[in-house]
Amino acid sequence: MTFSNDGGAPAASSGQFPIGTQLKVTNLANNKTTTVEVTSTSGSCALLNAAAFEQVREAGKNVIREVRIERLGGGDAAEPPADEQPPADDAGDQAGGDQAGATGEVVCAGSTVTLSGEGGAPAASSGQFPIGTQLKVTNLDNNKSTTVEVTSTSGSCALLNNAAFEQVREPGKFLIRNARIERVG
């Protein structure tokens, strides 16, 4: 799990839970929890804003790799209980991906992309594609794109490291809400 850098009171955006849903988010590495309301949509299972992320993060880390997300209530659509949802280590872009997608196929439709805070050459982590997969990530708001190799695992469709995110981001933004992710190799 990472954060959107959106301001305001602690909240989350989600592509899986309807607006108004209450979620309890637990960082399993330090057992810190926060309860947030889903206030907007994203391509993520749950994407915390900056205030909510601060409540559960470990000092100096911009990614939570082991997280539990529990639905407490709210919203107007039935969702499976948290223990029946697929496990996620950072609860990023769970929606729309197809690990077996053909080369050149758009995968992870409607994904939100953010950065992991990790250094090194441009790369990505993914929970939907095996290590070694090549992904082309395009920020549809500015048409900048980068092609990266999946070098580690996460709960996201594609979680970019700092160098890769810098290639496609808009100045001052730490979240790409309108991204296209294509499997290219």
C-alpha atoms as a PDB file:
ATOM      1  CA  MET A   1       0.000   0.000   0.000  1.00  0.00           C
ATOM      2  CA  THR A   2       1.171   3.512  -0.710  1.00  0.00           C
ATOM      3  CA  PHE A   3      -0.456   6.920  -0.638  1.00  0.00           C
ATOM      4  CA  SER A   4      -2.014   9.387  -3.062  1.00  0.00           C
ATOM      5  CA  ASN A   5      -0.560  12.569  -1.525  1.00  0.00           C
ATOM      6  CA  ASP A   6      -4.088  14.008  -1.538  1.00  0.00           C
ATOM      7  CA  GLY A   7      -4.661  16.361   1.386  1.00  0.00           C
ATOM      8  CA  GLY A   8      -7.470  16.603   3.876  1.00  0.00           C
ATOM      9  CA  ALA A   9      -8.664  14.417   6.716  1.00  0.00           C
ATOM     10  CA  PRO A  10      -7.694  10.732   6.643  1.00  0.00           C
ATOM     11  CA  ALA A  11      -9.532   9.034   3.751  1.00  0.00           C
ATOM     12  CA  ALA A  12      -9.088   6.537   0.941  1.00  0.00           C
ATOM     13  CA  SER A  13      -9.986   6.102  -2.696  1.00  0.00           C
ATOM     14  CA  SER A  14     -10.940   2.715  -4.125  1.00  0.00           C
ATOM     15  CA  GLY A  15     -11.881   0.929  -7.312  1.00  0.00           C
ATOM     16  CA  GLN A  16     -13.266  -2.041  -5.381  1.00  0.00           C
ATOM     17  CA  PHE A  17     -15.372  -0.452  -2.640  1.00  0.00           C
ATOM     18  CA  PRO A  18     -18.123   2.152  -3.178  1.00  0.00           C
ATOM     19  CA  ILE A  19     -17.875   5.688  -1.845  1.00  0.00           C
ATOM     20  CA  GLY A  20     -19.018   5.776   1.774  1.00  0.00           C
ATOM     21  CA  THR A  21     -17.506   2.412   2.694  1.00  0.00           C
ATOM     22  CA  GLN A  22     -15.592   2.353   5.977  1.00  0.00           C
ATOM     23  CA  LEU A  23     -12.285   0.447   5.817  1.00  0.00           C
ATOM     24  CA  LYS A  24      -9.916  -0.569   8.585  1.00  0.00           C
ATOM     25  CA  VAL A  25      -6.342  -0.639   7.267  1.00  0.00           C
ATOM     26  CA  THR A  26      -3.656  -2.402   9.309  1.00  0.00           C
ATOM     27  CA  ASN A  27       0.078  -2.244   8.596  1.00  0.00           C
ATOM     28  CA  LEU A  28       1.083  -5.779   9.576  1.00  0.00           C
ATOM     29  CA  ALA A  29       4.746  -4.781   9.958  1.00  0.00           C
ATOM     30  CA  ASN A  30       4.020  -2.459  12.916  1.00  0.00           C
ATOM     31  CA  ASN A  31       0.375  -3.277  13.803  1.00  0.00           C
ATOM     32  CA  LYS A  32      -0.698   0.360  13.375  1.00  0.00           C
ATOM     33  CA  THR A  33      -4.273   0.785  12.148  1.00  0.00           C
ATOM     34  CA  THR A  34      -6.485   3.502  10.778  1.00  0.00           C
ATOM     35  CA  THR A  35     -10.150   3.569   9.898  1.00  0.00           C
ATOM     36  CA  VAL A  36     -11.016   5.586   6.808  1.00  0.00           C
ATOM     37  CA  GLU A  37     -13.980   6.309   4.597  1.00  0.00           C
ATOM     38  CA  VAL A  38     -13.762   5.768   0.848  1.00  0.00           C
ATOM     39  CA  THR A  39     -14.342   9.262  -0.528  1.00  0.00           C
ATOM     40  CA  SER A  40     -13.395   8.847  -4.207  1.00  0.00           C
ATOM     41  CA  THR A  41     -12.607   6.262  -6.845  1.00  0.00           C
ATOM     42  CA  SER A  42      -9.250   4.984  -8.072  1.00  0.00           C
ATOM     43  CA  GLY A  43      -7.866   1.888  -9.736  1.00  0.00           C
ATOM     44  CA  SER A  44      -6.646   0.611  -6.372  1.00  0.00           C
ATOM     45  CA  CYS A  45      -8.279  -1.707  -3.879  1.00  0.00           C
ATOM     46  CA  ALA A  46      -7.597   1.020  -1.318  1.00  0.00           C
ATOM     47  CA  LEU A  47      -5.313   4.005  -1.793  1.00  0.00           C
ATOM     48  CA  LEU A  48      -4.788   6.077   1.360  1.00  0.00           C
ATOM     49  CA  ASN A  49      -4.415   9.834   1.283  1.00  0.00           C
ATOM     50  CA  ALA A  50      -1.371  11.402   2.959  1.00  0.00           C
ATOM     51  CA  ALA A  51      -3.038  11.887   6.381  1.00  0.00           C
ATOM     52  CA  ALA A  52      -4.263   8.284   6.582  1.00  0.00           C
ATOM     53  CA  PHE A  53      -0.925   6.912   5.374  1.00  0.00           C
ATOM     54  CA  GLU A  54       0.902   8.846   8.107  1.00  0.00           C
ATOM     55  CA  GLN A  55      -1.212   7.064  10.718  1.00  0.00           C
ATOM     56  CA  VAL A  56       0.031   3.602   9.703  1.00  0.00           C
ATOM     57  CA  ARG A  57       3.404   4.059   8.013  1.00  0.00           C
ATOM     58  CA  GLU A  58       6.809   3.133   9.330  1.00  0.00           C
ATOM     59  CA  ALA A  59       9.171   6.104   9.627  1.00  0.00           C
ATOM     60  CA  GLY A  60      11.015   6.784   6.378  1.00  0.00           C
ATOM     61  CA  LYS A  61       8.982   4.290   4.310  1.00  0.00           C
ATOM     62  CA  ASN A  62       6.638   5.204   1.482  1.00  0.00           C
ATOM     63  CA  VAL A  63       5.265   1.693   0.909  1.00  0.00           C
ATOM     64  CA  ILE A  64       3.523  -0.772   3.186  1.00  0.00           C
ATOM     65  CA  ARG A  65       4.260  -4.254   1.873  1.00  0.00           C
ATOM     66  CA  GLU A  66       2.126  -6.236   4.337  1.00  0.00           C
ATOM     67  CA  VAL A  67      -1.345  -4.836   4.870  1.00  0.00           C
ATOM     68  CA  ARG A  68      -4.781  -6.084   5.907  1.00  0.00           C
ATOM     69  CA  ILE A  69      -7.860  -4.247   4.649  1.00  0.00           C
ATOM     70  CA  GLU A  70     -11.176  -4.925   6.371  1.00  0.00           C
ATOM     71  CA  ARG A  71     -14.561  -3.602   5.295  1.00  0.00           C
ATOM     72  CA  LEU A  72     -16.389  -2.215   8.319  1.00  0.00           C
ATOM     73  CA  GLY A  73     -19.532  -0.980   6.582  1.00  0.00           C
ATOM     74  CA  GLY A  74     -21.041   1.751   4.499  1.00  0.00           C
ATOM     75  CA  GLY A  75     -21.337   1.992   0.745  1.00  0.00           C
ATOM     76  CA  ASP A  76     -24.255   0.611  -1.204  1.00  0.00           C
ATOM     77  CA  ALA A  77     -22.860  -2.531  -2.838  1.00  0.00           C
ATOM     78  CA  ALA A  78     -22.187  -5.895  -1.282  1.00  0.00           C
ATOM     79  CA  GLU A  79     -18.520  -6.863  -1.157  1.00  0.00           C
ATOM     80  CA  PRO A  80     -16.934 -10.087   0.018  1.00  0.00           C
ATOM     81  CA  PRO A  81     -15.524 -10.055   3.549  1.00  0.00           C
ATOM     82  CA  ALA A  82     -11.875  -9.013   3.800  1.00  0.00           C
ATOM     83  CA  ASP A  83     -10.796 -12.595   4.520  1.00  0.00           C
ATOM     84  CA  GLU A  84     -12.326 -13.711   1.202  1.00  0.00           C
ATOM     85  CA  GLN A  85     -10.577 -11.066  -0.870  1.00  0.00           C
ATOM     86  CA  PRO A  86      -7.288 -11.815  -2.610  1.00  0.00           C
ATOM     87  CA  PRO A  87      -4.263 -11.153  -0.422  1.00  0.00           C
ATOM     88  CA  ALA A  88      -2.367  -7.966  -1.133  1.00  0.00           C
ATOM     89  CA  ASP A  89       0.934  -6.787   0.182  1.00  0.00           C
ATOM     90  CA  ASP A  90       0.438  -3.189  -0.765  1.00  0.00           C
ATOM     91  CA  ALA A  91      -3.227  -3.284  -1.808  1.00  0.00           C
ATOM     92  CA  GLY A  92      -2.559  -1.356  -4.994  1.00  0.00           C
ATOM     93  CA  ASP A  93      -4.253  -1.689  -8.347  1.00  0.00           C
ATOM     94  CA  GLN A  94      -6.121  -4.972  -8.036  1.00  0.00           C
ATOM     95  CA  ALA A  95      -8.733  -4.194 -10.659  1.00  0.00           C
ATOM     96  CA  GLY A  96      -8.774  -5.302 -14.237  1.00  0.00           C
ATOM     97  CA  GLY A  97      -5.462  -7.108 -14.686  1.00  0.00           C
ATOM     98  CA  ASP A  98      -4.858 -10.309 -16.617  1.00  0.00           C
ATOM     99  CA  GLN A  99      -1.544 -11.957 -15.898  1.00  0.00           C
ATOM    100  CA  ALA A 100      -1.806 -14.022 -19.077  1.00  0.00           C
ATOM    101  CA  GLY A 101      -2.436 -10.974 -21.282  1.00  0.00           C
ATOM    102  CA  ALA A 102      -0.865 -11.171 -24.710  1.00  0.00           C
ATOM    103  CA  THR A 103       2.109  -9.014 -25.625  1.00  0.00           C
ATOM    104  CA  GLY A 104       0.877  -5.524 -26.528  1.00  0.00           C
ATOM    105  CA  GLU A 105      -2.463  -6.035 -24.783  1.00  0.00           C
ATOM    106  CA  VAL A 106      -3.717  -3.309 -22.470  1.00  0.00           C
ATOM    107  CA  VAL A 107      -3.928  -4.764 -18.980  1.00  0.00           C
ATOM    108  CA  CYS A 108      -4.977  -3.317 -15.629  1.00  0.00           C
ATOM    109  CA  ALA A 109      -7.550  -1.036 -17.253  1.00  0.00           C
ATOM    110  CA  GLY A 110      -8.303   2.100 -15.276  1.00  0.00           C
ATOM    111  CA  SER A 111      -5.311   1.663 -13.018  1.00  0.00           C
ATOM    112  CA  THR A 112      -3.980   4.254 -10.669  1.00  0.00           C
ATOM    113  CA  VAL A 113      -0.189   4.296 -10.610  1.00  0.00           C
ATOM    114  CA  THR A 114       2.043   5.651  -7.890  1.00  0.00           C
ATOM    115  CA  LEU A 115       5.606   5.227  -6.732  1.00  0.00           C
ATOM    116  CA  SER A 116       7.180   2.809  -4.319  1.00  0.00           C
ATOM    117  CA  GLY A 117       9.881   5.139  -3.015  1.00  0.00           C
ATOM    118  CA  GLU A 118      12.547   2.617  -4.040  1.00  0.00           C
ATOM    119  CA  GLY A 119      15.725   3.685  -5.817  1.00  0.00           C
ATOM    120  CA  GLY A 120      17.696   2.186  -8.676  1.00  0.00           C
ATOM    121  CA  ALA A 121      17.225   2.075 -12.428  1.00  0.00           C
ATOM    122  CA  PRO A 122      13.642   2.432 -13.739  1.00  0.00           C
ATOM    123  CA  ALA A 123      11.689  -0.691 -12.731  1.00  0.00           C
ATOM    124  CA  ALA A 124       8.351  -1.867 -11.349  1.00  0.00           C
ATOM    125  CA  SER A 125       6.955  -4.375  -8.909  1.00  0.00           C
ATOM    126  CA  SER A 126       3.763  -6.290  -9.638  1.00  0.00           C
ATOM    127  CA  GLY A 127       1.426  -8.808  -8.098  1.00  0.00           C
ATOM    128  CA  GLN A 128      -0.074  -9.748 -11.464  1.00  0.00           C
ATOM    129  CA  PHE A 129       2.971 -10.251 -13.674  1.00  0.00           C
ATOM    130  CA  PRO A 130       6.021 -12.437 -13.089  1.00  0.00           C
ATOM    131  CA  ILE A 131       9.476 -11.009 -12.561  1.00  0.00           C
ATOM    132  CA  GLY A 132      11.051 -10.297 -15.949  1.00  0.00           C
ATOM    133  CA  THR A 133       7.816  -9.105 -17.611  1.00  0.00           C
ATOM    134  CA  GLN A 134       8.161  -5.859 -19.590  1.00  0.00           C
ATOM    135  CA  LEU A 135       5.358  -3.317 -19.028  1.00  0.00           C
ATOM    136  CA  LYS A 136       4.723  -0.034 -20.823  1.00  0.00           C
ATOM    137  CA  VAL A 137       3.119   2.481 -18.466  1.00  0.00           C
ATOM    138  CA  THR A 138       1.538   5.585 -20.018  1.00  0.00           C
ATOM    139  CA  ASN A 139       0.270   8.605 -18.085  1.00  0.00           C
ATOM    140  CA  LEU A 140      -2.800   9.489 -20.179  1.00  0.00           C
ATOM    141  CA  ASP A 141      -2.916  12.988 -18.684  1.00  0.00           C
ATOM    142  CA  ASN A 142       0.397  14.008 -20.299  1.00  0.00           C
ATOM    143  CA  ASN A 143       1.030  11.120 -22.755  1.00  0.00           C
ATOM    144  CA  LYS A 144       4.429  10.368 -21.206  1.00  0.00           C
ATOM    145  CA  SER A 145       5.319   6.693 -21.095  1.00  0.00           C
ATOM    146  CA  THR A 146       8.050   4.419 -19.828  1.00  0.00           C
ATOM    147  CA  THR A 147       8.813   0.759 -20.400  1.00  0.00           C
ATOM    148  CA  VAL A 148       9.995  -1.069 -17.309  1.00  0.00           C
ATOM    149  CA  GLU A 149      10.844  -4.568 -16.217  1.00  0.00           C
ATOM    150  CA  VAL A 150       9.044  -6.153 -13.276  1.00  0.00           C
ATOM    151  CA  THR A 151      11.858  -6.796 -10.789  1.00  0.00           C
ATOM    152  CA  SER A 152       9.925  -7.655  -7.609  1.00  0.00           C
ATOM    153  CA  THR A 153       6.472  -8.495  -6.308  1.00  0.00           C
ATOM    154  CA  SER A 154       3.782  -6.284  -4.773  1.00  0.00           C
ATOM    155  CA  GLY A 155      -0.004  -6.229  -4.575  1.00  0.00           C
ATOM    156  CA  SER A 156      -0.231  -3.701  -7.406  1.00  0.00           C
ATOM    157  CA  CYS A 157      -0.752  -4.250 -11.085  1.00  0.00           C
ATOM    158  CA  ALA A 158       2.321  -2.044 -11.502  1.00  0.00           C
ATOM    159  CA  LEU A 159       4.063  -0.048  -8.775  1.00  0.00           C
ATOM    160  CA  LEU A 160       6.810   2.119 -10.237  1.00  0.00           C
ATOM    161  CA  ASN A 161      10.066   2.879  -8.452  1.00  0.00           C
ATOM    162  CA  ASN A 162      11.237   6.511  -8.188  1.00  0.00           C
ATOM    163  CA  ALA A 163      13.223   6.581 -11.448  1.00  0.00           C
ATOM    164  CA  ALA A 164      10.391   5.117 -13.524  1.00  0.00           C
ATOM    165  CA  PHE A 165       7.759   7.338 -11.899  1.00  0.00           C
ATOM    166  CA  GLU A 166       9.845  10.452 -12.652  1.00  0.00           C
ATOM    167  CA  GLN A 167       9.720   9.568 -16.359  1.00  0.00           C
ATOM    168  CA  VAL A 168       5.912   9.797 -16.517  1.00  0.00           C
ATOM    169  CA  ARG A 169       4.740  11.986 -13.645  1.00  0.00           C
ATOM    170  CA  GLU A 170       3.363  15.488 -13.783  1.00  0.00           C
ATOM    171  CA  PRO A 171       5.367  17.985 -11.694  1.00  0.00           C
ATOM    172  CA  GLY A 172       4.256  18.044  -8.055  1.00  0.00           C
ATOM    173  CA  LYS A 173       2.039  14.962  -8.354  1.00  0.00           C
ATOM    174  CA  PHE A 174       2.687  11.632  -6.662  1.00  0.00           C
ATOM    175  CA  LEU A 175      -0.205   9.771  -8.237  1.00  0.00           C
ATOM    176  CA  ILE A 176      -1.282   9.040 -11.803  1.00  0.00           C
ATOM    177  CA  ARG A 177      -5.046   8.540 -11.781  1.00  0.00           C
ATOM    178  CA  ASN A 178      -5.389   7.963 -15.528  1.00  0.00           C
ATOM    179  CA  ALA A 179      -2.848   5.366 -16.667  1.00  0.00           C
ATOM    180  CA  ARG A 180      -2.630   2.718 -19.377  1.00  0.00           C
ATOM    181  CA  ILE A 181      -0.517  -0.349 -18.638  1.00  0.00           C
ATOM    182  CA  GLU A 182       0.452  -2.610 -21.528  1.00  0.00           C
ATOM    183  CA  ARG A 183       2.302  -5.882 -21.388  1.00  0.00           C
ATOM    184  CA  VAL A 184       5.058  -5.605 -24.014  1.00  0.00           C
ATOM    185  CA  GLY A 185       7.201  -8.644 -23.255  1.00  0.00           C
END
